[in-house]
């Protein structure tokens, strides 16, 4: 089993590890690690399409379940932090 003790570590999992983690979790813990596109858009204040583009270009980590993305929440946080740091330079 992969190490899920560190959220930052989770954002660096391979796609196969992310999928395995997603499938191994019950719904409540799953929702603390993964969010859907609509939730990510609401959290960030951007459109769902922007979130989809971030995922498609690899800026934010996600897994695809059917035709929907499950975004790694910590990856989204890391991306937003990196953007804040760029503005502060």
N, C-alpha and C. Protein backbone atom coordinates (compact mmCIF):
# COMPACT_ATOMS: atom_id res chain seq x y z
N UNK A 1 0.85 -1.19 0.00
CA UNK A 1 0.00 0.00 0.00
C UNK A 1 0.88 1.24 0.00
N UNK A 2 0.45 2.27 -0.65
CA UNK A 2 1.22 3.50 -0.74
C UNK A 2 1.04 4.34 0.51
N UNK A 3 2.02 5.21 0.78
CA UNK A 3 2.00 6.06 1.96
C UNK A 3 1.08 7.25 1.74
N UNK A 4 0.03 7.33 2.56
CA UNK A 4 -0.92 8.44 2.44
C UNK A 4 -0.81 9.39 3.63
N UNK A 5 0.25 9.25 4.42
CA UNK A 5 0.37 10.08 5.61
C UNK A 5 0.67 11.53 5.30
N UNK A 6 1.24 11.81 4.17
CA UNK A 6 1.60 13.18 3.81
C UNK A 6 0.82 13.62 2.57
N UNK A 7 -0.01 14.67 2.71
CA UNK A 7 -0.75 15.15 1.55
C UNK A 7 0.16 15.57 0.40
N UNK A 8 1.31 16.14 0.71
CA UNK A 8 2.24 16.55 -0.34
C UNK A 8 2.75 15.32 -1.09
N UNK A 9 2.96 14.24 -0.37
CA UNK A 9 3.39 12.99 -1.00
C UNK A 9 2.32 12.48 -1.96
N UNK A 10 1.07 12.58 -1.59
CA UNK A 10 -0.04 12.10 -2.42
C UNK A 10 -0.04 12.82 -3.76
N UNK A 11 0.23 14.10 -3.76
CA UNK A 11 0.23 14.88 -5.00
C UNK A 11 1.32 14.40 -5.97
N UNK A 12 2.28 13.63 -5.47
CA UNK A 12 3.37 13.15 -6.31
C UNK A 12 3.22 11.67 -6.70
N UNK A 13 2.11 11.05 -6.35
CA UNK A 13 1.86 9.66 -6.72
C UNK A 13 1.79 9.52 -8.24
N UNK A 14 2.08 8.35 -8.72
CA UNK A 14 1.86 8.05 -10.14
C UNK A 14 0.35 7.94 -10.38
N UNK A 15 -0.04 7.95 -11.63
CA UNK A 15 -1.47 7.81 -11.95
C UNK A 15 -2.03 6.49 -11.40
N UNK A 16 -1.27 5.43 -11.53
CA UNK A 16 -1.72 4.12 -11.03
C UNK A 16 -1.86 4.13 -9.51
N UNK A 17 -0.93 4.78 -8.82
CA UNK A 17 -1.02 4.88 -7.36
C UNK A 17 -2.23 5.71 -6.93
N UNK A 18 -2.48 6.81 -7.66
CA UNK A 18 -3.65 7.63 -7.34
C UNK A 18 -4.95 6.86 -7.51
N UNK A 19 -5.05 6.13 -8.60
CA UNK A 19 -6.25 5.34 -8.84
C UNK A 19 -6.42 4.27 -7.78
N UNK A 20 -5.35 3.59 -7.43
CA UNK A 20 -5.40 2.57 -6.38
C UNK A 20 -5.84 3.17 -5.06
N UNK A 21 -5.29 4.33 -4.72
CA UNK A 21 -5.68 5.01 -3.49
C UNK A 21 -7.16 5.38 -3.53
N UNK A 22 -7.59 5.98 -4.61
CA UNK A 22 -8.98 6.39 -4.76
C UNK A 22 -9.92 5.21 -4.55
N UNK A 23 -9.62 4.10 -5.19
CA UNK A 23 -10.49 2.93 -5.10
C UNK A 23 -10.44 2.25 -3.74
N UNK A 24 -9.36 2.42 -3.00
CA UNK A 24 -9.22 1.78 -1.69
C UNK A 24 -9.91 2.53 -0.56
N UNK A 25 -10.23 3.80 -0.79
CA UNK A 25 -10.82 4.62 0.27
C UNK A 25 -12.33 4.55 0.29
N UNK A 26 -12.90 4.64 1.48
CA UNK A 26 -14.34 4.78 1.59
C UNK A 26 -14.69 6.23 1.26
N UNK A 27 -15.97 6.53 1.01
CA UNK A 27 -16.34 7.88 0.55
C UNK A 27 -15.88 9.04 1.44
N UNK A 28 -15.98 8.93 2.74
CA UNK A 28 -15.62 10.07 3.61
C UNK A 28 -14.14 10.44 3.50
N UNK A 29 -13.21 9.49 3.67
CA UNK A 29 -11.81 9.88 3.52
C UNK A 29 -11.45 10.26 2.08
N UNK A 30 -12.12 9.65 1.14
CA UNK A 30 -11.87 9.96 -0.28
C UNK A 30 -12.12 11.45 -0.54
N UNK A 31 -13.17 11.99 0.06
CA UNK A 31 -13.54 13.40 -0.16
C UNK A 31 -12.57 14.38 0.48
N UNK A 32 -11.72 13.91 1.40
CA UNK A 32 -10.71 14.80 1.98
C UNK A 32 -9.46 14.89 1.10
N UNK A 33 -9.32 13.95 0.17
CA UNK A 33 -8.15 13.91 -0.70
C UNK A 33 -8.48 14.34 -2.13
N UNK A 34 -9.66 13.95 -2.61
CA UNK A 34 -10.07 14.22 -3.98
C UNK A 34 -11.34 15.09 -4.01
N UNK A 35 -11.40 16.01 -4.96
CA UNK A 35 -12.62 16.81 -5.18
C UNK A 35 -12.98 16.73 -6.66
N UNK A 36 -14.25 16.94 -6.96
CA UNK A 36 -14.63 16.94 -8.37
C UNK A 36 -14.38 18.32 -8.97
N UNK A 37 -14.60 18.43 -10.25
CA UNK A 37 -14.30 19.67 -10.97
C UNK A 37 -15.12 20.84 -10.45
N UNK A 38 -16.38 20.60 -10.16
CA UNK A 38 -17.24 21.68 -9.65
C UNK A 38 -16.76 22.17 -8.30
N UNK A 39 -16.37 21.25 -7.42
CA UNK A 39 -15.87 21.65 -6.10
C UNK A 39 -14.56 22.42 -6.23
N UNK A 40 -13.67 21.95 -7.10
CA UNK A 40 -12.40 22.65 -7.31
C UNK A 40 -12.64 24.06 -7.85
N UNK A 41 -13.60 24.20 -8.76
CA UNK A 41 -13.93 25.52 -9.30
C UNK A 41 -14.48 26.44 -8.21
N UNK A 42 -15.32 25.89 -7.35
CA UNK A 42 -15.89 26.69 -6.26
C UNK A 42 -14.81 27.11 -5.28
N UNK A 43 -13.91 26.20 -4.94
CA UNK A 43 -12.82 26.51 -4.00
C UNK A 43 -11.93 27.62 -4.54
N UNK A 44 -11.62 27.56 -5.82
CA UNK A 44 -10.66 28.50 -6.41
C UNK A 44 -11.28 29.77 -6.96
N UNK A 45 -12.57 29.71 -7.25
CA UNK A 45 -13.23 30.88 -7.84
C UNK A 45 -13.02 31.01 -9.34
N UNK A 46 -12.61 29.92 -9.97
CA UNK A 46 -12.46 29.92 -11.42
C UNK A 46 -13.53 29.00 -12.01
N UNK A 47 -13.64 28.98 -13.33
CA UNK A 47 -14.66 28.16 -13.97
C UNK A 47 -14.27 26.69 -13.97
N UNK A 48 -15.26 25.84 -14.15
CA UNK A 48 -15.00 24.40 -14.26
C UNK A 48 -14.10 24.12 -15.45
N UNK A 49 -14.28 24.85 -16.53
CA UNK A 49 -13.45 24.65 -17.71
C UNK A 49 -11.99 24.97 -17.42
N UNK A 50 -11.73 25.99 -16.62
CA UNK A 50 -10.36 26.33 -16.25
C UNK A 50 -9.73 25.17 -15.46
N UNK A 51 -10.49 24.61 -14.54
CA UNK A 51 -10.00 23.46 -13.78
C UNK A 51 -9.69 22.31 -14.74
N UNK A 52 -10.58 22.05 -15.68
CA UNK A 52 -10.36 20.99 -16.66
C UNK A 52 -9.08 21.24 -17.46
N UNK A 53 -8.87 22.48 -17.86
CA UNK A 53 -7.65 22.82 -18.62
C UNK A 53 -6.40 22.62 -17.77
N UNK A 54 -6.46 23.00 -16.49
CA UNK A 54 -5.31 22.78 -15.60
C UNK A 54 -4.98 21.30 -15.51
N UNK A 55 -6.02 20.47 -15.43
CA UNK A 55 -5.81 19.02 -15.36
C UNK A 55 -5.24 18.51 -16.68
N UNK A 56 -5.84 18.93 -17.78
CA UNK A 56 -5.42 18.45 -19.11
C UNK A 56 -3.99 18.84 -19.46
N UNK A 57 -3.53 19.99 -18.98
CA UNK A 57 -2.16 20.39 -19.27
C UNK A 57 -1.17 19.93 -18.20
N UNK A 58 -1.67 19.23 -17.18
CA UNK A 58 -0.79 18.67 -16.16
C UNK A 58 -0.41 19.60 -15.03
N UNK A 59 -1.02 20.75 -14.98
CA UNK A 59 -0.74 21.71 -13.91
C UNK A 59 -1.25 21.21 -12.57
N UNK A 60 -2.39 20.54 -12.60
CA UNK A 60 -3.03 20.01 -11.39
C UNK A 60 -3.23 18.51 -11.60
N UNK A 61 -2.91 17.71 -10.60
CA UNK A 61 -3.04 16.26 -10.68
C UNK A 61 -4.48 15.83 -10.47
N UNK A 62 -4.90 14.86 -11.24
CA UNK A 62 -6.24 14.30 -11.12
C UNK A 62 -6.27 12.91 -11.73
N UNK A 63 -7.29 12.18 -11.38
CA UNK A 63 -7.55 10.91 -12.04
C UNK A 63 -8.87 11.03 -12.77
N UNK A 64 -9.01 10.23 -13.77
CA UNK A 64 -10.24 10.23 -14.56
C UNK A 64 -11.07 9.02 -14.14
N UNK A 65 -12.28 9.28 -13.71
CA UNK A 65 -13.23 8.23 -13.37
C UNK A 65 -14.38 8.38 -14.35
N UNK A 66 -14.44 7.49 -15.30
CA UNK A 66 -15.42 7.65 -16.38
C UNK A 66 -15.05 8.87 -17.19
N UNK A 67 -15.99 9.78 -17.34
CA UNK A 67 -15.72 11.02 -18.07
C UNK A 67 -15.50 12.20 -17.14
N UNK A 68 -15.29 11.91 -15.87
CA UNK A 68 -15.13 12.99 -14.87
C UNK A 68 -13.77 12.91 -14.21
N UNK A 69 -13.28 14.07 -13.79
CA UNK A 69 -12.02 14.13 -13.08
C UNK A 69 -12.26 14.15 -11.58
N UNK A 70 -11.34 13.54 -10.86
CA UNK A 70 -11.25 13.68 -9.42
C UNK A 70 -9.90 14.32 -9.17
N UNK A 71 -9.93 15.56 -8.73
CA UNK A 71 -8.72 16.37 -8.58
C UNK A 71 -8.11 16.10 -7.21
N UNK A 72 -6.78 15.97 -7.19
CA UNK A 72 -6.06 15.81 -5.93
C UNK A 72 -6.03 17.20 -5.28
N UNK A 73 -6.72 17.32 -4.16
CA UNK A 73 -6.87 18.63 -3.51
C UNK A 73 -5.52 19.25 -3.16
N UNK A 74 -4.57 18.45 -2.69
CA UNK A 74 -3.26 19.00 -2.34
C UNK A 74 -2.51 19.50 -3.58
N UNK A 75 -2.70 18.86 -4.70
CA UNK A 75 -2.09 19.33 -5.94
C UNK A 75 -2.65 20.69 -6.33
N UNK A 76 -3.95 20.85 -6.15
CA UNK A 76 -4.59 22.14 -6.42
C UNK A 76 -4.02 23.21 -5.49
N UNK A 77 -3.88 22.88 -4.23
CA UNK A 77 -3.30 23.83 -3.26
C UNK A 77 -1.86 24.20 -3.65
N UNK A 78 -1.06 23.19 -4.01
CA UNK A 78 0.33 23.46 -4.40
C UNK A 78 0.39 24.40 -5.60
N UNK A 79 -0.48 24.17 -6.57
CA UNK A 79 -0.49 25.03 -7.76
C UNK A 79 -0.84 26.47 -7.38
N UNK A 80 -1.86 26.64 -6.56
CA UNK A 80 -2.27 27.99 -6.15
C UNK A 80 -1.16 28.67 -5.34
N UNK A 81 -0.49 27.91 -4.46
CA UNK A 81 0.64 28.48 -3.70
C UNK A 81 1.75 28.93 -4.65
N UNK A 82 2.04 28.11 -5.66
CA UNK A 82 3.11 28.47 -6.60
C UNK A 82 2.76 29.75 -7.35
N UNK A 83 1.49 29.94 -7.67
CA UNK A 83 1.06 31.14 -8.37
C UNK A 83 1.16 32.36 -7.46
N UNK A 84 0.86 32.19 -6.17
CA UNK A 84 1.00 33.30 -5.22
C UNK A 84 2.47 33.67 -5.07
N UNK A 85 3.33 32.67 -5.03
CA UNK A 85 4.77 32.93 -4.90
C UNK A 85 5.32 33.68 -6.10
N UNK A 86 4.83 33.38 -7.29
CA UNK A 86 5.28 34.08 -8.49
C UNK A 86 4.90 35.55 -8.43
N UNK A 87 3.73 35.84 -7.90
CA UNK A 87 3.30 37.24 -7.81
C UNK A 87 4.08 38.02 -6.77
N UNK A 88 4.57 37.31 -5.75
CA UNK A 88 5.32 37.96 -4.68
C UNK A 88 6.77 38.23 -5.02
N UNK A 89 7.25 37.67 -6.12
CA UNK A 89 8.67 37.86 -6.49
C UNK A 89 8.93 39.19 -7.11
